[in-house]
PDB file of N, CA and C in Angstrom:
ATOM      1  N   UNK A   1      99.706 107.434 109.026  1.00  0.00           N
ATOM      2  CA  UNK A   1     100.796 108.368 108.382  1.00  0.00           C
ATOM      3  C   UNK A   1     101.957 107.746 108.848  1.00  0.00           C
ATOM      4  N   UNK A   2     103.323 107.741 108.021  1.00  0.00           N
ATOM      5  CA  UNK A   2     104.258 107.372 108.373  1.00  0.00           C
ATOM      6  C   UNK A   2     105.159 108.543 108.261  1.00  0.00           C
ATOM      7  N   UNK A   3     105.237 109.167 109.472  1.00  0.00           N
ATOM      8  CA  UNK A   3     106.207 110.105 109.884  1.00  0.00           C
ATOM      9  C   UNK A   3     107.578 110.077 109.248  1.00  0.00           C
ATOM     10  N   UNK A   4     108.066 108.932 109.683  1.00  0.00           N
ATOM     11  CA  UNK A   4     109.668 108.701 108.998  1.00  0.00           C
ATOM     12  C   UNK A   4     110.120 108.707 107.765  1.00  0.00           C
ATOM     13  N   UNK A   5     108.501 109.148 106.971  1.00  0.00           N
ATOM     14  CA  UNK A   5     109.075 109.353 105.321  1.00  0.00           C
ATOM     15  C   UNK A   5     109.472 110.577 105.108  1.00  0.00           C
ATOM     16  N   UNK A   6     109.186 111.717 106.430  1.00  0.00           N
ATOM     17  CA  UNK A   6     109.762 113.163 106.275  1.00  0.00           C
ATOM     18  C   UNK A   6     111.125 113.196 106.482  1.00  0.00           C
ATOM     19  N   UNK A   7     111.750 111.922 106.985  1.00  0.00           N
ATOM     20  CA  UNK A   7     113.440 112.213 107.128  1.00  0.00           C
ATOM     21  C   UNK A   7     113.886 111.992 105.694  1.00  0.00           C
ATOM     22  N   UNK A   8     114.857 112.656 105.235  1.00  0.00           N
ATOM     23  CA  UNK A   8     115.513 112.769 104.198  1.00  0.00           C
ATOM     24  C   UNK A   8     117.187 112.509 104.193  1.00  0.00           C
ATOM     25  N   UNK A   9     117.476 112.536 105.298  1.00  0.00           N
ATOM     26  CA  UNK A   9     119.072 112.626 105.415  1.00  0.00           C
ATOM     27  C   UNK A   9     119.598 113.588 105.398  1.00  0.00           C
ATOM     28  N   UNK A  10     118.866 114.927 105.175  1.00  0.00           N
ATOM     29  CA  UNK A  10     119.542 116.211 104.599  1.00  0.00           C
ATOM     30  C   UNK A  10     120.430 116.828 105.925  1.00  0.00           C
ATOM     31  N   UNK A  11     120.206 116.299 107.264  1.00  0.00           N
ATOM     32  CA  UNK A  11     120.896 116.687 108.044  1.00  0.00           C
ATOM     33  C   UNK A  11     121.885 115.922 108.388  1.00  0.00           C
ATOM     34  N   UNK A  12     122.277 114.990 107.373  1.00  0.00           N
ATOM     35  CA  UNK A  12     123.420 114.136 107.732  1.00  0.00           C
ATOM     36  C   UNK A  12     123.465 112.982 108.629  1.00  0.00           C
ATOM     37  N   UNK A  13     122.215 112.948 109.241  1.00  0.00           N
ATOM     38  CA  UNK A  13     122.009 111.626 110.243  1.00  0.00           C
ATOM     39  C   UNK A  13     120.602 111.170 109.747  1.00  0.00           C
ATOM     40  N   UNK A  14     120.105 110.348 109.259  1.00  0.00           N
ATOM     41  CA  UNK A  14     118.619 110.103 108.756  1.00  0.00           C
ATOM     42  C   UNK A  14     118.149 109.334 109.913  1.00  0.00           C
ATOM     43  N   UNK A  15     118.734 108.742 110.848  1.00  0.00           N
ATOM     44  CA  UNK A  15     118.222 107.907 111.976  1.00  0.00           C
ATOM     45  C   UNK A  15     118.118 108.914 112.837  1.00  0.00           C
ATOM     46  N   UNK A  16     118.941 110.157 113.371  1.00  0.00           N
ATOM     47  CA  UNK A  16     118.557 110.909 114.239  1.00  0.00           C
ATOM     48  C   UNK A  16     117.311 111.487 113.825  1.00  0.00           C
ATOM     49  N   UNK A  17     117.106 111.758 112.510  1.00  0.00           N
ATOM     50  CA  UNK A  17     115.913 112.705 111.971  1.00  0.00           C
ATOM     51  C   UNK A  17     114.779 111.979 112.166  1.00  0.00           C
ATOM     52  N   UNK A  18     114.762 110.481 112.232  1.00  0.00           N
ATOM     53  CA  UNK A  18     113.662 109.591 112.321  1.00  0.00           C
ATOM     54  C   UNK A  18     113.622 109.747 113.707  1.00  0.00           C
ATOM     55  N   UNK A  19     114.283 109.708 114.879  1.00  0.00           N
ATOM     56  CA  UNK A  19     114.276 109.836 116.203  1.00  0.00           C
ATOM     57  C   UNK A  19     113.595 111.225 116.926  1.00  0.00           C
ATOM     58  N   UNK A  20     113.992 112.312 115.988  1.00  0.00           N
ATOM     59  CA  UNK A  20     113.518 113.594 116.245  1.00  0.00           C
ATOM     60  C   UNK A  20     112.083 113.749 115.563  1.00  0.00           C
ATOM     61  N   UNK A  21     111.618 113.070 114.354  1.00  0.00           N
ATOM     62  CA  UNK A  21     110.210 113.051 114.182  1.00  0.00           C
ATOM     63  C   UNK A  21     109.393 112.281 115.058  1.00  0.00           C
ATOM     64  N   UNK A  22     109.739 111.115 115.444  1.00  0.00           N
ATOM     65  CA  UNK A  22     109.064 110.321 116.220  1.00  0.00           C
ATOM     66  C   UNK A  22     108.807 111.322 117.762  1.00  0.00           C
ATOM     67  N   UNK A  23     109.700 111.689 118.158  1.00  0.00           N
ATOM     68  CA  UNK A  23     109.349 112.680 119.045  1.00  0.00           C
ATOM     69  C   UNK A  23     108.600 113.770 119.150  1.00  0.00           C
ATOM     70  N   UNK A  24     108.463 114.344 117.847  1.00  0.00           N
ATOM     71  CA  UNK A  24     107.811 115.393 117.461  1.00  0.00           C
ATOM     72  C   UNK A  24     106.090 114.858 117.464  1.00  0.00           C
ATOM     73  N   UNK A  25     106.174 113.704 117.064  1.00  0.00           N
ATOM     74  CA  UNK A  25     104.828 113.249 116.900  1.00  0.00           C
ATOM     75  C   UNK A  25     104.293 112.892 118.370  1.00  0.00           C
ATOM     76  N   UNK A  26     105.307 112.090 119.246  1.00  0.00           N
ATOM     77  CA  UNK A  26     104.796 111.867 120.662  1.00  0.00           C
ATOM     78  C   UNK A  26     104.459 113.468 121.365  1.00  0.00           C
ATOM     79  N   UNK A  27     105.406 114.538 121.087  1.00  0.00           N
ATOM     80  CA  UNK A  27     104.687 115.713 121.771  1.00  0.00           C
ATOM     81  C   UNK A  27     103.249 115.956 121.116  1.00  0.00           C
ATOM     82  N   UNK A  28     103.006 115.988 119.972  1.00  0.00           N
ATOM     83  CA  UNK A  28     101.881 116.460 119.060  1.00  0.00           C
ATOM     84  C   UNK A  28     100.643 115.808 119.840  1.00  0.00           C
ATOM     85  N   UNK A  29     100.666 114.396 120.024  1.00  0.00           N
ATOM     86  CA  UNK A  29      99.854 113.538 120.533  1.00  0.00           C
ATOM     87  C   UNK A  29      99.557 113.994 121.865  1.00  0.00           C
ATOM     88  N   UNK A  30     100.602 114.037 122.760  1.00  0.00           N
ATOM     89  CA  UNK A  30     100.033 114.743 124.118  1.00  0.00           C
ATOM     90  C   UNK A  30      99.673 116.319 123.956  1.00  0.00           C
ATOM     91  N   UNK A  31     100.291 117.115 123.264  1.00  0.00           N
ATOM     92  CA  UNK A  31      99.529 118.369 123.062  1.00  0.00           C
ATOM     93  C   UNK A  31      98.002 118.149 122.945  1.00  0.00           C
ATOM     94  N   UNK A  32      97.589 117.196 121.815  1.00  0.00           N
ATOM     95  CA  UNK A  32      96.345 117.099 121.658  1.00  0.00           C
ATOM     96  C   UNK A  32      95.392 116.614 122.798  1.00  0.00           C
ATOM     97  N   UNK A  33      95.855 115.847 123.599  1.00  0.00           N
ATOM     98  CA  UNK A  33      95.390 115.373 124.758  1.00  0.00           C
ATOM     99  C   UNK A  33      95.190 116.426 126.013  1.00  0.00           C
ATOM    100  N   UNK A  34      96.088 117.252 125.994  1.00  0.00           N
ATOM    101  CA  UNK A  34      96.164 118.329 126.707  1.00  0.00           C
ATOM    102  C   UNK A  34      95.223 119.428 126.498  1.00  0.00           C
ATOM    103  N   UNK A  35      95.361 119.744 125.031  1.00  0.00           N
ATOM    104  CA  UNK A  35      94.305 121.005 124.687  1.00  0.00           C
ATOM    105  C   UNK A  35      92.921 120.522 124.828  1.00  0.00           C
ATOM    106  N   UNK A  36      92.680 119.181 124.548  1.00  0.00           N
ATOM    107  CA  UNK A  36      91.246 119.007 124.860  1.00  0.00           C
ATOM    108  C   UNK A  36      90.642 119.082 126.114  1.00  0.00           C
ATOM    109  N   UNK A  37      91.800 118.883 127.431  1.00  0.00           N
ATOM    110  CA  UNK A  37      91.401 118.848 128.511  1.00  0.00           C
ATOM    111  C   UNK A  37      91.414 120.321 128.977  1.00  0.00           C
ATOM    112  N   UNK A  38      92.477 121.118 128.853  1.00  0.00           N
ATOM    113  CA  UNK A  38      92.668 122.752 128.983  1.00  0.00           C
ATOM    114  C   UNK A  38      91.871 123.724 128.563  1.00  0.00           C
ATOM    115  N   UNK A  39      91.305 123.511 126.777  1.00  0.00           N
ATOM    116  CA  UNK A  39      91.230 124.367 126.136  1.00  0.00           C
ATOM    117  C   UNK A  39      92.048 125.448 125.447  1.00  0.00           C
ATOM    118  N   UNK A  40      91.660 126.417 124.885  1.00  0.00           N
ATOM    119  CA  UNK A  40      92.553 127.496 124.417  1.00  0.00           C
ATOM    120  C   UNK A  40      92.372 128.456 125.232  1.00  0.00           C
ATOM    121  N   UNK A  41      91.601 128.605 126.071  1.00  0.00           N
ATOM    122  CA  UNK A  41      91.623 129.984 126.814  1.00  0.00           C
ATOM    123  C   UNK A  41      92.522 130.207 127.892  1.00  0.00           C
ATOM    124  N   UNK A  42      92.923 129.333 128.475  1.00  0.00           N
ATOM    125  CA  UNK A  42      94.079 129.260 129.477  1.00  0.00           C
ATOM    126  C   UNK A  42      95.395 130.114 128.906  1.00  0.00           C
ATOM    127  N   UNK A  43      95.845 129.694 127.594  1.00  0.00           N
ATOM    128  CA  UNK A  43      96.885 130.516 126.929  1.00  0.00           C
ATOM    129  C   UNK A  43      96.538 131.653 126.451  1.00  0.00           C
ATOM    130  N   UNK A  44      95.211 131.703 125.850  1.00  0.00           N
ATOM    131  CA  UNK A  44      94.668 132.870 125.332  1.00  0.00           C
ATOM    132  C   UNK A  44      94.733 134.129 126.327  1.00  0.00           C
ATOM    133  N   UNK A  45      94.466 133.684 127.629  1.00  0.00           N
ATOM    134  CA  UNK A  45      94.469 134.896 128.688  1.00  0.00           C
ATOM    135  C   UNK A  45      95.642 135.454 128.864  1.00  0.00           C
ATOM    136  N   UNK A  46      96.999 134.554 128.673  1.00  0.00           N
ATOM    137  CA  UNK A  46      98.316 135.626 129.104  1.00  0.00           C
ATOM    138  C   UNK A  46      99.077 135.246 127.905  1.00  0.00           C
ATOM    139  N   UNK A  47      98.924 134.812 126.865  1.00  0.00           N
ATOM    140  CA  UNK A  47      99.724 134.734 125.557  1.00  0.00           C
ATOM    141  C   UNK A  47     100.945 134.182 125.867  1.00  0.00           C
ATOM    142  N   UNK A  48     101.851 134.628 125.194  1.00  0.00           N
ATOM    143  CA  UNK A  48     103.539 134.555 125.130  1.00  0.00           C
ATOM    144  C   UNK A  48     104.086 134.550 126.627  1.00  0.00           C
ATOM    145  N   UNK A  49     103.760 135.870 127.252  1.00  0.00           N
ATOM    146  CA  UNK A  49     104.143 136.128 128.480  1.00  0.00           C
ATOM    147  C   UNK A  49     103.899 134.773 129.671  1.00  0.00           C
ATOM    148  N   UNK A  50     102.615 134.318 129.630  1.00  0.00           N
ATOM    149  CA  UNK A  50     102.168 133.177 130.309  1.00  0.00           C
ATOM    150  C   UNK A  50     103.069 131.743 129.788  1.00  0.00           C
ATOM    151  N   UNK A  51     103.082 131.592 128.493  1.00  0.00           N
ATOM    152  CA  UNK A  51     104.032 130.165 128.182  1.00  0.00           C
ATOM    153  C   UNK A  51     105.520 130.666 128.934  1.00  0.00           C
ATOM    154  N   UNK A  52     105.748 131.894 128.556  1.00  0.00           N
ATOM    155  CA  UNK A  52     107.335 131.876 129.069  1.00  0.00           C
ATOM    156  C   UNK A  52     107.565 131.852 130.458  1.00  0.00           C
ATOM    157  N   UNK A  53     106.510 132.360 131.262  1.00  0.00           N
ATOM    158  CA  UNK A  53     106.295 131.940 132.999  1.00  0.00           C
ATOM    159  C   UNK A  53     106.311 130.278 133.211  1.00  0.00           C
ATOM    160  N   UNK A  54     105.260 129.725 132.282  1.00  0.00           N
ATOM    161  CA  UNK A  54     105.285 128.358 132.661  1.00  0.00           C
ATOM    162  C   UNK A  54     106.591 127.461 131.835  1.00  0.00           C
ATOM    163  N   UNK A  55     107.099 127.998 130.911  1.00  0.00           N
ATOM    164  CA  UNK A  55     108.332 127.410 130.711  1.00  0.00           C
ATOM    165  C   UNK A  55     109.385 127.557 131.482  1.00  0.00           C
ATOM    166  N   UNK A  56     109.420 128.652 132.351  1.00  0.00           N
ATOM    167  CA  UNK A  56     110.346 128.983 133.270  1.00  0.00           C
ATOM    168  C   UNK A  56     110.384 127.994 134.464  1.00  0.00           C
ATOM    169  N   UNK A  57     108.720 127.491 134.726  1.00  0.00           N
ATOM    170  CA  UNK A  57     108.909 126.740 136.005  1.00  0.00           C
ATOM    171  C   UNK A  57     109.384 125.237 135.501  1.00  0.00           C
ATOM    172  N   UNK A  58     109.157 125.040 133.992  1.00  0.00           N
ATOM    173  CA  UNK A  58     109.741 123.561 133.526  1.00  0.00           C
ATOM    174  C   UNK A  58     111.072 123.728 133.764  1.00  0.00           C
ATOM    175  N   UNK A  59     111.725 124.815 133.393  1.00  0.00           N
ATOM    176  CA  UNK A  59     113.310 124.828 133.188  1.00  0.00           C
ATOM    177  C   UNK A  59     114.059 124.859 134.938  1.00  0.00           C
ATOM    178  N   UNK A  60     113.286 125.400 135.570  1.00  0.00           N
ATOM    179  CA  UNK A  60     113.744 125.484 137.064  1.00  0.00           C
ATOM    180  C   UNK A  60     113.505 124.069 137.480  1.00  0.00           C
ATOM    181  N   UNK A  61     112.657 123.240 137.097  1.00  0.00           N
ATOM    182  CA  UNK A  61     112.654 121.771 137.802  1.00  0.00           C
ATOM    183  C   UNK A  61     113.550 121.313 137.247  1.00  0.00           C
ATOM    184  N   UNK A  62     114.045 121.249 135.710  1.00  0.00           N
ATOM    185  CA  UNK A  62     115.010 120.460 135.015  1.00  0.00           C
ATOM    186  C   UNK A  62     116.312 121.077 135.784  1.00  0.00           C
ATOM    187  N   UNK A  63     116.377 122.067 136.033  1.00  0.00           N
ATOM    188  CA  UNK A  63     117.664 122.752 136.679  1.00  0.00           C
ATOM    189  C   UNK A  63     117.882 121.956 138.068  1.00  0.00           C
ATOM    190  N   UNK A  64     116.758 121.903 138.947  1.00  0.00           N
ATOM    191  CA  UNK A  64     117.070 121.219 140.318  1.00  0.00           C
ATOM    192  C   UNK A  64     117.250 119.843 140.047  1.00  0.00           C
ATOM    193  N   UNK A  65     116.819 119.328 138.933  1.00  0.00           N
ATOM    194  CA  UNK A  65     117.306 117.719 138.796  1.00  0.00           C
ATOM    195  C   UNK A  65     118.358 117.743 138.579  1.00  0.00           C
ATOM    196  N   UNK A  66     119.014 118.454 137.326  1.00  0.00           N
ATOM    197  CA  UNK A  66     120.174 118.070 136.624  1.00  0.00           C
ATOM    198  C   UNK A  66     121.601 118.591 137.295  1.00  0.00           C
ATOM    199  N   UNK A  67     121.438 120.136 137.562  1.00  0.00           N
ATOM    200  CA  UNK A  67     122.442 120.806 138.316  1.00  0.00           C
ATOM    201  C   UNK A  67     122.672 120.626 139.647  1.00  0.00           C
ATOM    202  N   UNK A  68     121.504 120.167 140.627  1.00  0.00           N
ATOM    203  CA  UNK A  68     121.716 120.342 142.036  1.00  0.00           C
ATOM    204  C   UNK A  68     120.948 119.059 142.464  1.00  0.00           C
ATOM    205  N   UNK A  69     121.181 117.723 141.683  1.00  0.00           N
ATOM    206  CA  UNK A  69     120.571 116.637 142.155  1.00  0.00           C
ATOM    207  C   UNK A  69     119.221 116.167 142.785  1.00  0.00           C
ATOM    208  N   UNK A  70     118.732 117.233 142.846  1.00  0.00           N
ATOM    209  CA  UNK A  70     117.519 117.160 143.843  1.00  0.00           C
ATOM    210  C   UNK A  70     116.346 116.104 143.177  1.00  0.00           C
ATOM    211  N   UNK A  71     115.515 115.376 144.176  1.00  0.00           N
ATOM    212  CA  UNK A  71     114.516 114.592 143.519  1.00  0.00           C
ATOM    213  C   UNK A  71     113.508 115.548 143.574  1.00  0.00           C
ATOM    214  N   UNK A  72     112.970 115.491 141.974  1.00  0.00           N
ATOM    215  CA  UNK A  72     111.870 116.497 141.657  1.00  0.00           C
ATOM    216  C   UNK A  72     110.794 115.516 140.997  1.00  0.00           C
ATOM    217  N   UNK A  73     110.853 114.516 141.558  1.00  0.00           N
ATOM    218  CA  UNK A  73     109.636 113.382 141.206  1.00  0.00           C
ATOM    219  C   UNK A  73     108.119 114.230 141.547  1.00  0.00           C
ATOM    220  N   UNK A  74     107.614 113.944 140.559  1.00  0.00           N
ATOM    221  CA  UNK A  74     106.148 114.318 140.922  1.00  0.00           C
ATOM    222  C   UNK A  74     105.023 112.883 140.553  1.00  0.00           C
ATOM    223  N   UNK A  75     104.109 112.763 141.222  1.00  0.00           N
ATOM    224  CA  UNK A  75     103.204 111.729 140.932  1.00  0.00           C
ATOM    225  C   UNK A  75     102.680 111.572 139.460  1.00  0.00           C
ATOM    226  N   UNK A  76     102.456 112.689 138.816  1.00  0.00           N
ATOM    227  CA  UNK A  76     102.066 112.276 137.577  1.00  0.00           C
ATOM    228  C   UNK A  76     103.142 113.011 136.488  1.00  0.00           C
ATOM    229  N   UNK A  77     104.262 113.491 136.521  1.00  0.00           N
ATOM    230  CA  UNK A  77     104.978 113.963 135.947  1.00  0.00           C
ATOM    231  C   UNK A  77     106.439 113.497 135.828  1.00  0.00           C
ATOM    232  N   UNK A  78     106.997 112.941 134.789  1.00  0.00           N
ATOM    233  CA  UNK A  78     108.425 112.362 134.951  1.00  0.00           C
ATOM    234  C   UNK A  78     109.219 113.604 134.391  1.00  0.00           C
ATOM    235  N   UNK A  79     110.476 113.213 134.464  1.00  0.00           N
ATOM    236  CA  UNK A  79     111.489 114.316 133.854  1.00  0.00           C
ATOM    237  C   UNK A  79     111.355 114.327 132.514  1.00  0.00           C
ATOM    238  N   UNK A  80     111.033 113.223 131.716  1.00  0.00           N
ATOM    239  CA  UNK A  80     110.785 113.390 130.207  1.00  0.00           C
ATOM    240  C   UNK A  80     109.697 114.204 129.837  1.00  0.00           C
ATOM    241  N   UNK A  81     108.567 113.712 130.688  1.00  0.00           N
ATOM    242  CA  UNK A  81     107.290 114.827 130.643  1.00  0.00           C
ATOM    243  C   UNK A  81     107.499 116.304 130.454  1.00  0.00           C
ATOM    244  N   UNK A  82     108.601 116.594 131.459  1.00  0.00           N
ATOM    245  CA  UNK A  82     108.980 117.990 131.671  1.00  0.00           C
ATOM    246  C   UNK A  82     109.369 118.544 130.465  1.00  0.00           C
ATOM    247  N   UNK A  83     110.365 117.692 129.709  1.00  0.00           N
ATOM    248  CA  UNK A  83     111.191 118.117 128.363  1.00  0.00           C
ATOM    249  C   UNK A  83     109.903 118.476 127.368  1.00  0.00           C
ATOM    250  N   UNK A  84     109.005 117.252 127.418  1.00  0.00           N
ATOM    251  CA  UNK A  84     107.932 117.654 126.550  1.00  0.00           C
ATOM    252  C   UNK A  84     107.277 118.757 126.688  1.00  0.00           C
ATOM    253  N   UNK A  85     106.841 118.928 127.840  1.00  0.00           N
ATOM    254  CA  UNK A  85     105.987 120.456 128.362  1.00  0.00           C
ATOM    255  C   UNK A  85     106.894 121.447 127.960  1.00  0.00           C
ATOM    256  N   UNK A  86     108.104 121.694 127.921  1.00  0.00           N
ATOM    257  CA  UNK A  86     108.846 122.859 127.525  1.00  0.00           C
ATOM    258  C   UNK A  86     108.753 122.846 126.174  1.00  0.00           C
ATOM    259  N   UNK A  87     108.828 121.832 125.337  1.00  0.00           N
ATOM    260  CA  UNK A  87     108.734 122.034 123.666  1.00  0.00           C
ATOM    261  C   UNK A  87     107.323 122.719 123.638  1.00  0.00           C
ATOM    262  N   UNK A  88     106.316 122.243 124.397  1.00  0.00           N
ATOM    263  CA  UNK A  88     104.877 122.731 124.333  1.00  0.00           C
ATOM    264  C   UNK A  88     104.750 124.174 124.526  1.00  0.00           C
ATOM    265  N   UNK A  89     105.504 124.703 125.876  1.00  0.00           N
ATOM    266  CA  UNK A  89     105.070 126.116 125.962  1.00  0.00           C
ATOM    267  C   UNK A  89     106.024 126.891 124.992  1.00  0.00           C
ATOM    268  N   UNK A  90     107.181 126.342 124.266  1.00  0.00           N
ATOM    269  CA  UNK A  90     107.757 127.177 123.477  1.00  0.00           C
ATOM    270  C   UNK A  90     107.015 127.380 122.070  1.00  0.00           C
ATOM    271  N   UNK A  91     106.378 126.344 121.876  1.00  0.00           N
ATOM    272  CA  UNK A  91     105.456 126.206 120.529  1.00  0.00           C
ATOM    273  C   UNK A  91     104.580 127.295 120.650  1.00  0.00           C
ATOM    274  N   UNK A  92     103.670 126.696 122.035  1.00  0.00           N
ATOM    275  CA  UNK A  92     102.689 128.014 122.031  1.00  0.00           C
ATOM    276  C   UNK A  92     102.835 129.162 122.181  1.00  0.00           C
ATOM    277  N   UNK A  93     104.194 129.696 122.813  1.00  0.00           N
ATOM    278  CA  UNK A  93     104.370 130.852 122.850  1.00  0.00           C
ATOM    279  C   UNK A  93     104.585 131.430 121.489  1.00  0.00           C
ATOM    280  N   UNK A  94     105.296 130.726 120.426  1.00  0.00           N
ATOM    281  CA  UNK A  94     105.429 131.038 119.417  1.00  0.00           C
ATOM    282  C   UNK A  94     104.245 131.439 118.788  1.00  0.00           C
ATOM    283  N   UNK A  95     103.062 130.819 118.668  1.00  0.00           N
ATOM    284  CA  UNK A  95     102.018 130.837 118.118  1.00  0.00           C
ATOM    285  C   UNK A  95     101.165 131.986 118.515  1.00  0.00           C
ATOM    286  N   UNK A  96     101.349 132.423 119.934  1.00  0.00           N
ATOM    287  CA  UNK A  96     100.967 133.546 120.708  1.00  0.00           C
ATOM    288  C   UNK A  96     101.777 134.493 120.060  1.00  0.00           C
ATOM    289  N   UNK A  97     102.857 134.515 119.697  1.00  0.00           N
ATOM    290  CA  UNK A  97     103.842 135.586 119.375  1.00  0.00           C
ATOM    291  C   UNK A  97     103.531 136.085 117.887  1.00  0.00           C
ATOM    292  N   UNK A  98     103.191 135.247 117.239  1.00  0.00           N
ATOM    293  CA  UNK A  98     102.981 135.425 115.814  1.00  0.00           C
ATOM    294  C   UNK A  98     101.076 135.889 115.782  1.00  0.00           C
ATOM    295  N   UNK A  99     100.470 135.975 116.869  1.00  0.00           N
ATOM    296  CA  UNK A  99      99.131 136.179 116.838  1.00  0.00           C
ATOM    297  C   UNK A  99      98.151 135.362 116.318  1.00  0.00           C
ATOM    298  N   UNK A 100      98.631 133.990 116.514  1.00  0.00           N
ATOM    299  CA  UNK A 100      97.619 133.475 115.857  1.00  0.00           C
ATOM    300  C   UNK A 100      97.058 131.975 116.687  1.00  0.00           C
ATOM    301  N   UNK A 101      97.200 132.471 118.261  1.00  0.00           N
ATOM    302  CA  UNK A 101      96.337 131.677 119.000  1.00  0.00           C
ATOM    303  C   UNK A 101      95.042 132.053 119.354  1.00  0.00           C
ATOM    304  N   UNK A 102      94.031 131.115 119.411  1.00  0.00           N
ATOM    305  CA  UNK A 102      92.618 131.597 119.233  1.00  0.00           C
ATOM    306  C   UNK A 102      92.270 132.139 120.506  1.00  0.00           C
ATOM    307  N   UNK A 103      91.659 133.186 120.379  1.00  0.00           N
ATOM    308  CA  UNK A 103      91.272 133.937 121.672  1.00  0.00           C
ATOM    309  C   UNK A 103      92.226 134.787 122.292  1.00  0.00           C
ATOM    310  N   UNK A 104      93.352 134.986 121.645  1.00  0.00           N
ATOM    311  CA  UNK A 104      94.530 135.759 122.395  1.00  0.00           C
ATOM    312  C   UNK A 104      94.097 137.164 122.760  1.00  0.00           C
ATOM    313  N   UNK A 105      94.053 137.316 124.050  1.00  0.00           N
ATOM    314  CA  UNK A 105      93.986 138.675 124.522  1.00  0.00           C
ATOM    315  C   UNK A 105      94.851 139.879 124.107  1.00  0.00           C
ATOM    316  N   UNK A 106      95.934 139.784 124.146  1.00  0.00           N
ATOM    317  CA  UNK A 106      96.989 140.508 123.848  1.00  0.00           C
ATOM    318  C   UNK A 106      98.015 140.377 122.950  1.00  0.00           C
ATOM    319  N   UNK A 107      96.940 140.512 121.568  1.00  0.00           N
ATOM    320  CA  UNK A 107      97.929 140.096 120.253  1.00  0.00           C
ATOM    321  C   UNK A 107      99.130 140.970 120.119  1.00  0.00           C
ATOM    322  N   UNK A 108      99.443 142.208 120.463  1.00  0.00           N
ATOM    323  CA  UNK A 108     100.563 143.082 120.618  1.00  0.00           C
ATOM    324  C   UNK A 108     101.663 142.857 121.132  1.00  0.00           C
ATOM    325  N   UNK A 109     101.907 141.453 122.090  1.00  0.00           N
ATOM    326  CA  UNK A 109     102.783 141.431 122.784  1.00  0.00           C
ATOM    327  C   UNK A 109     104.267 141.421 122.397  1.00  0.00           C
TER     328      UNK A 109
END
């Protein structure tokens, strides 16, 4: 699938649209791998609140890196990985908030 064909230039910058689309696909590929490893129950157990807590972990890591100049290197997660994870927790939180996550225990969040 040629994702760049979705770029229309409507934003006023077709090249930036292509960059954004490529990053969205990069995240989607990462999400599929992680979803296969973790399954749906880990998000379903705590729903949007769990996503918020995990997103905050990522934000705190980014804050320490950018605002405090702390070395927050992890052996298996780069700063760019942290940004991608933040996208993921935002999207999964939204799916939970809409009551669409499989096995969601607290649909009334």
